[in-house]
Amino acid sequence: MKFSLLAYFKNAYAELRKVTWPSRQAAIQSTATVVVLSVGVALFLGALDFGFNAGLNYLIELTA
């Protein structure tokens, strides 16, 4: 089977023409949702890490 780079790009372009792209407003809303959820998860994991670290330091102080 012969590989043709030009045929690949033609087919890729044809497939991209079939895509139903979201509206600008939908893309902005989806991006905002992802950013807010990512910040929320980061804060939650940071608080969890801080709590575990404080607990571990407390246990180490008890045994020292």
PDB file of N, CA and C in Angstrom:
ATOM      1  N   MET A   1       0.852  -1.182   0.000  1.00  0.00           N
ATOM      2  CA  MET A   1       0.000   0.000   0.000  1.00  0.00           C
ATOM      3  C   MET A   1       0.891   1.235   0.000  1.00  0.00           C
ATOM      4  N   LYS A   2       0.659   2.106  -0.931  1.00  0.00           N
ATOM      5  CA  LYS A   2       1.486   3.285  -1.100  1.00  0.00           C
ATOM      6  C   LYS A   2       0.917   4.430  -0.254  1.00  0.00           C
ATOM      7  N   PHE A   3       1.796   5.092   0.468  1.00  0.00           N
ATOM      8  CA  PHE A   3       1.400   6.207   1.313  1.00  0.00           C
ATOM      9  C   PHE A   3       1.585   7.509   0.557  1.00  0.00           C
ATOM     10  N   SER A   4       0.532   8.288   0.482  1.00  0.00           N
ATOM     11  CA  SER A   4       0.608   9.573  -0.190  1.00  0.00           C
ATOM     12  C   SER A   4       0.307  10.672   0.828  1.00  0.00           C
ATOM     13  N   LEU A   5       1.283  11.510   1.083  1.00  0.00           N
ATOM     14  CA  LEU A   5       1.119  12.589   2.047  1.00  0.00           C
ATOM     15  C   LEU A   5       0.047  13.571   1.574  1.00  0.00           C
ATOM     16  N   LEU A   6       0.002  13.853   0.307  1.00  0.00           N
ATOM     17  CA  LEU A   6      -0.992  14.769  -0.239  1.00  0.00           C
ATOM     18  C   LEU A   6      -2.398  14.191  -0.065  1.00  0.00           C
ATOM     19  N   ALA A   7      -2.563  12.909  -0.310  1.00  0.00           N
ATOM     20  CA  ALA A   7      -3.868  12.273  -0.132  1.00  0.00           C
ATOM     21  C   ALA A   7      -4.286  12.304   1.334  1.00  0.00           C
ATOM     22  N   TYR A   8      -3.318  12.111   2.226  1.00  0.00           N
ATOM     23  CA  TYR A   8      -3.615  12.163   3.659  1.00  0.00           C
ATOM     24  C   TYR A   8      -4.175  13.531   4.039  1.00  0.00           C
ATOM     25  N   PHE A   9      -3.513  14.600   3.605  1.00  0.00           N
ATOM     26  CA  PHE A   9      -3.974  15.942   3.957  1.00  0.00           C
ATOM     27  C   PHE A   9      -5.304  16.281   3.285  1.00  0.00           C
ATOM     28  N   LYS A  10      -5.523  15.801   2.092  1.00  0.00           N
ATOM     29  CA  LYS A  10      -6.817  16.018   1.430  1.00  0.00           C
ATOM     30  C   LYS A  10      -7.938  15.331   2.215  1.00  0.00           C
ATOM     31  N   ASN A  11      -7.694  14.101   2.644  1.00  0.00           N
ATOM     32  CA  ASN A  11      -8.698  13.374   3.424  1.00  0.00           C
ATOM     33  C   ASN A  11      -8.915  14.021   4.783  1.00  0.00           C
ATOM     34  N   ALA A  12      -7.858  14.477   5.407  1.00  0.00           N
ATOM     35  CA  ALA A  12      -7.985  15.140   6.703  1.00  0.00           C
ATOM     36  C   ALA A  12      -8.803  16.416   6.559  1.00  0.00           C
ATOM     37  N   TYR A  13      -8.542  17.182   5.525  1.00  0.00           N
ATOM     38  CA  TYR A  13      -9.295  18.410   5.275  1.00  0.00           C
ATOM     39  C   TYR A  13     -10.768  18.101   5.015  1.00  0.00           C
ATOM     40  N   ALA A  14     -11.029  17.056   4.259  1.00  0.00           N
ATOM     41  CA  ALA A  14     -12.413  16.672   3.967  1.00  0.00           C
ATOM     42  C   ALA A  14     -13.147  16.276   5.249  1.00  0.00           C
ATOM     43  N   GLU A  15     -12.468  15.583   6.140  1.00  0.00           N
ATOM     44  CA  GLU A  15     -13.087  15.196   7.419  1.00  0.00           C
ATOM     45  C   GLU A  15     -13.333  16.414   8.299  1.00  0.00           C
ATOM     46  N   LEU A  16     -12.405  17.340   8.302  1.00  0.00           N
ATOM     47  CA  LEU A  16     -12.583  18.549   9.115  1.00  0.00           C
ATOM     48  C   LEU A  16     -13.757  19.394   8.623  1.00  0.00           C
ATOM     49  N   ARG A  17     -14.046  19.332   7.339  1.00  0.00           N
ATOM     50  CA  ARG A  17     -15.191  20.080   6.797  1.00  0.00           C
ATOM     51  C   ARG A  17     -16.518  19.491   7.293  1.00  0.00           C
ATOM     52  N   LYS A  18     -16.517  18.219   7.705  1.00  0.00           N
ATOM     53  CA  LYS A  18     -17.732  17.562   8.178  1.00  0.00           C
ATOM     54  C   LYS A  18     -18.014  17.840   9.658  1.00  0.00           C
ATOM     55  N   VAL A  19     -17.028  18.388  10.364  1.00  0.00           N
ATOM     56  CA  VAL A  19     -17.166  18.598  11.805  1.00  0.00           C
ATOM     57  C   VAL A  19     -18.157  19.715  12.076  1.00  0.00           C
ATOM     58  N   THR A  20     -19.009  19.504  13.063  1.00  0.00           N
ATOM     59  CA  THR A  20     -19.910  20.549  13.526  1.00  0.00           C
ATOM     60  C   THR A  20     -19.217  21.251  14.687  1.00  0.00           C
ATOM     61  N   TRP A  21     -18.694  22.434  14.427  1.00  0.00           N
ATOM     62  CA  TRP A  21     -17.932  23.165  15.423  1.00  0.00           C
ATOM     63  C   TRP A  21     -18.890  23.876  16.372  1.00  0.00           C
ATOM     64  N   PRO A  22     -18.517  23.978  17.659  1.00  0.00           N
ATOM     65  CA  PRO A  22     -19.380  24.693  18.606  1.00  0.00           C
ATOM     66  C   PRO A  22     -19.360  26.191  18.322  1.00  0.00           C
ATOM     67  N   SER A  23     -20.407  26.860  18.768  1.00  0.00           N
ATOM     68  CA  SER A  23     -20.438  28.308  18.609  1.00  0.00           C
ATOM     69  C   SER A  23     -19.395  28.938  19.522  1.00  0.00           C
ATOM     70  N   ARG A  24     -19.100  30.188  19.288  1.00  0.00           N
ATOM     71  CA  ARG A  24     -18.117  30.891  20.121  1.00  0.00           C
ATOM     72  C   ARG A  24     -18.570  30.888  21.577  1.00  0.00           C
ATOM     73  N   GLN A  25     -19.857  31.154  21.802  1.00  0.00           N
ATOM     74  CA  GLN A  25     -20.385  31.201  23.170  1.00  0.00           C
ATOM     75  C   GLN A  25     -20.286  29.828  23.840  1.00  0.00           C
ATOM     76  N   ALA A  26     -20.592  28.762  23.120  1.00  0.00           N
ATOM     77  CA  ALA A  26     -20.506  27.412  23.689  1.00  0.00           C
ATOM     78  C   ALA A  26     -19.061  27.059  24.017  1.00  0.00           C
ATOM     79  N   ALA A  27     -18.126  27.458  23.158  1.00  0.00           N
ATOM     80  CA  ALA A  27     -16.712  27.174  23.410  1.00  0.00           C
ATOM     81  C   ALA A  27     -16.217  27.939  24.634  1.00  0.00           C
ATOM     82  N   ILE A  28     -16.629  29.193  24.769  1.00  0.00           N
ATOM     83  CA  ILE A  28     -16.242  29.994  25.933  1.00  0.00           C
ATOM     84  C   ILE A  28     -16.830  29.398  27.205  1.00  0.00           C
ATOM     85  N   GLN A  29     -18.086  28.988  27.151  1.00  0.00           N
ATOM     86  CA  GLN A  29     -18.738  28.411  28.329  1.00  0.00           C
ATOM     87  C   GLN A  29     -18.076  27.090  28.732  1.00  0.00           C
ATOM     88  N   SER A  30     -17.758  26.251  27.779  1.00  0.00           N
ATOM     89  CA  SER A  30     -17.094  24.982  28.073  1.00  0.00           C
ATOM     90  C   SER A  30     -15.700  25.221  28.650  1.00  0.00           C
ATOM     91  N   THR A  31     -14.975  26.179  28.092  1.00  0.00           N
ATOM     92  CA  THR A  31     -13.642  26.499  28.598  1.00  0.00           C
ATOM     93  C   THR A  31     -13.719  27.011  30.031  1.00  0.00           C
ATOM     94  N   ALA A  32     -14.677  27.875  30.310  1.00  0.00           N
ATOM     95  CA  ALA A  32     -14.841  28.412  31.665  1.00  0.00           C
ATOM     96  C   ALA A  32     -15.177  27.294  32.647  1.00  0.00           C
ATOM     97  N   THR A  33     -16.020  26.369  32.239  1.00  0.00           N
ATOM     98  CA  THR A  33     -16.377  25.244  33.098  1.00  0.00           C
ATOM     99  C   THR A  33     -15.148  24.404  33.425  1.00  0.00           C
ATOM    100  N   VAL A  34     -14.336  24.119  32.428  1.00  0.00           N
ATOM    101  CA  VAL A  34     -13.130  23.315  32.639  1.00  0.00           C
ATOM    102  C   VAL A  34     -12.162  24.043  33.567  1.00  0.00           C
ATOM    103  N   VAL A  35     -11.983  25.353  33.371  1.00  0.00           N
ATOM    104  CA  VAL A  35     -11.057  26.126  34.215  1.00  0.00           C
ATOM    105  C   VAL A  35     -11.543  26.144  35.656  1.00  0.00           C
ATOM    106  N   VAL A  36     -12.835  26.404  35.863  1.00  0.00           N
ATOM    107  CA  VAL A  36     -13.385  26.458  37.225  1.00  0.00           C
ATOM    108  C   VAL A  36     -13.258  25.100  37.909  1.00  0.00           C
ATOM    109  N   LEU A  37     -13.604  24.025  37.226  1.00  0.00           N
ATOM    110  CA  LEU A  37     -13.483  22.696  37.818  1.00  0.00           C
ATOM    111  C   LEU A  37     -12.025  22.331  38.102  1.00  0.00           C
ATOM    112  N   SER A  38     -11.120  22.713  37.219  1.00  0.00           N
ATOM    113  CA  SER A  38      -9.700  22.427  37.438  1.00  0.00           C
ATOM    114  C   SER A  38      -9.177  23.162  38.662  1.00  0.00           C
ATOM    115  N   VAL A  39      -9.559  24.426  38.818  1.00  0.00           N
ATOM    116  CA  VAL A  39      -9.139  25.188  39.994  1.00  0.00           C
ATOM    117  C   VAL A  39      -9.748  24.577  41.252  1.00  0.00           C
ATOM    118  N   GLY A  40     -11.012  24.179  41.190  1.00  0.00           N
ATOM    119  CA  GLY A  40     -11.658  23.549  42.339  1.00  0.00           C
ATOM    120  C   GLY A  40     -10.972  22.260  42.759  1.00  0.00           C
ATOM    121  N   VAL A  41     -10.647  21.418  41.803  1.00  0.00           N
ATOM    122  CA  VAL A  41      -9.967  20.162  42.110  1.00  0.00           C
ATOM    123  C   VAL A  41      -8.566  20.440  42.660  1.00  0.00           C
ATOM    124  N   ALA A  42      -7.877  21.424  42.090  1.00  0.00           N
ATOM    125  CA  ALA A  42      -6.539  21.767  42.575  1.00  0.00           C
ATOM    126  C   ALA A  42      -6.602  22.259  44.020  1.00  0.00           C
ATOM    127  N   LEU A  43      -7.587  23.093  44.345  1.00  0.00           N
ATOM    128  CA  LEU A  43      -7.735  23.576  45.720  1.00  0.00           C
ATOM    129  C   LEU A  43      -8.067  22.430  46.672  1.00  0.00           C
ATOM    130  N   PHE A  44      -8.946  21.547  46.251  1.00  0.00           N
ATOM    131  CA  PHE A  44      -9.309  20.401  47.084  1.00  0.00           C
ATOM    132  C   PHE A  44      -8.097  19.519  47.356  1.00  0.00           C
ATOM    133  N   LEU A  45      -7.359  19.187  46.308  1.00  0.00           N
ATOM    134  CA  LEU A  45      -6.175  18.332  46.481  1.00  0.00           C
ATOM    135  C   LEU A  45      -5.092  19.048  47.284  1.00  0.00           C
ATOM    136  N   GLY A  46      -4.952  20.350  47.101  1.00  0.00           N
ATOM    137  CA  GLY A  46      -3.989  21.108  47.884  1.00  0.00           C
ATOM    138  C   GLY A  46      -4.345  21.096  49.362  1.00  0.00           C
ATOM    139  N   ALA A  47      -5.634  21.272  49.668  1.00  0.00           N
ATOM    140  CA  ALA A  47      -6.080  21.230  51.063  1.00  0.00           C
ATOM    141  C   ALA A  47      -5.872  19.834  51.649  1.00  0.00           C
ATOM    142  N   LEU A  48      -6.161  18.815  50.874  1.00  0.00           N
ATOM    143  CA  LEU A  48      -5.958  17.442  51.326  1.00  0.00           C
ATOM    144  C   LEU A  48      -4.474  17.190  51.610  1.00  0.00           C
ATOM    145  N   ASP A  49      -3.618  17.633  50.725  1.00  0.00           N
ATOM    146  CA  ASP A  49      -2.175  17.484  50.909  1.00  0.00           C
ATOM    147  C   ASP A  49      -1.712  18.247  52.155  1.00  0.00           C
ATOM    148  N   PHE A  50      -2.213  19.467  52.323  1.00  0.00           N
ATOM    149  CA  PHE A  50      -1.849  20.260  53.493  1.00  0.00           C
ATOM    150  C   PHE A  50      -2.279  19.545  54.774  1.00  0.00           C
ATOM    151  N   GLY A  51      -3.490  18.999  54.777  1.00  0.00           N
ATOM    152  CA  GLY A  51      -3.991  18.281  55.949  1.00  0.00           C
ATOM    153  C   GLY A  51      -3.183  17.042  56.271  1.00  0.00           C
ATOM    154  N   PHE A  52      -2.872  16.251  55.254  1.00  0.00           N
ATOM    155  CA  PHE A  52      -2.067  15.047  55.478  1.00  0.00           C
ATOM    156  C   PHE A  52      -0.660  15.411  55.963  1.00  0.00           C
ATOM    157  N   ASN A  53      -0.103  16.469  55.403  1.00  0.00           N
ATOM    158  CA  ASN A  53       1.228  16.903  55.808  1.00  0.00           C
ATOM    159  C   ASN A  53       1.212  17.372  57.273  1.00  0.00           C
ATOM    160  N   ALA A  54       0.206  18.144  57.642  1.00  0.00           N
ATOM    161  CA  ALA A  54       0.098  18.613  59.023  1.00  0.00           C
ATOM    162  C   ALA A  54      -0.090  17.431  59.971  1.00  0.00           C
ATOM    163  N   GLY A  55      -0.934  16.475  59.571  1.00  0.00           N
ATOM    164  CA  GLY A  55      -1.147  15.285  60.397  1.00  0.00           C
ATOM    165  C   GLY A  55       0.108  14.457  60.562  1.00  0.00           C
ATOM    166  N   LEU A  56       0.843  14.293  59.501  1.00  0.00           N
ATOM    167  CA  LEU A  56       2.081  13.520  59.555  1.00  0.00           C
ATOM    168  C   LEU A  56       3.112  14.230  60.432  1.00  0.00           C
ATOM    169  N   ASN A  57       3.222  15.545  60.271  1.00  0.00           N
ATOM    170  CA  ASN A  57       4.155  16.295  61.129  1.00  0.00           C
ATOM    171  C   ASN A  57       3.755  16.192  62.589  1.00  0.00           C
ATOM    172  N   TYR A  58       2.468  16.207  62.882  1.00  0.00           N
ATOM    173  CA  TYR A  58       1.995  16.060  64.249  1.00  0.00           C
ATOM    174  C   TYR A  58       2.393  14.688  64.808  1.00  0.00           C
ATOM    175  N   LEU A  59       2.206  13.643  64.019  1.00  0.00           N
ATOM    176  CA  LEU A  59       2.595  12.300  64.461  1.00  0.00           C
ATOM    177  C   LEU A  59       4.095  12.195  64.670  1.00  0.00           C
ATOM    178  N   ILE A  60       4.870  12.825  63.826  1.00  0.00           N
ATOM    179  CA  ILE A  60       6.323  12.800  63.980  1.00  0.00           C
ATOM    180  C   ILE A  60       6.725  13.534  65.246  1.00  0.00           C
ATOM    181  N   GLU A  61       6.077  14.641  65.546  1.00  0.00           N
ATOM    182  CA  GLU A  61       6.373  15.406  66.777  1.00  0.00           C
ATOM    183  C   GLU A  61       6.038  14.569  68.012  1.00  0.00           C
ATOM    184  N   LEU A  62       4.983  13.761  67.939  1.00  0.00           N
ATOM    185  CA  LEU A  62       4.596  12.933  69.075  1.00  0.00           C
ATOM    186  C   LEU A  62       5.662  11.887  69.397  1.00  0.00           C
ATOM    187  N   THR A  63       6.288  11.351  68.380  1.00  0.00           N
ATOM    188  CA  THR A  63       7.252  10.265  68.596  1.00  0.00           C
ATOM    189  C   THR A  63       8.652  10.792  68.870  1.00  0.00           C
ATOM    190  N   ALA A  64       8.889  12.072  68.659  1.00  0.00           N
ATOM    191  CA  ALA A  64      10.257  12.630  68.848  1.00  0.00           C
ATOM    192  C   ALA A  64      10.511  13.024  70.268  1.00  0.00           C
TER     193      ALA A  64
END
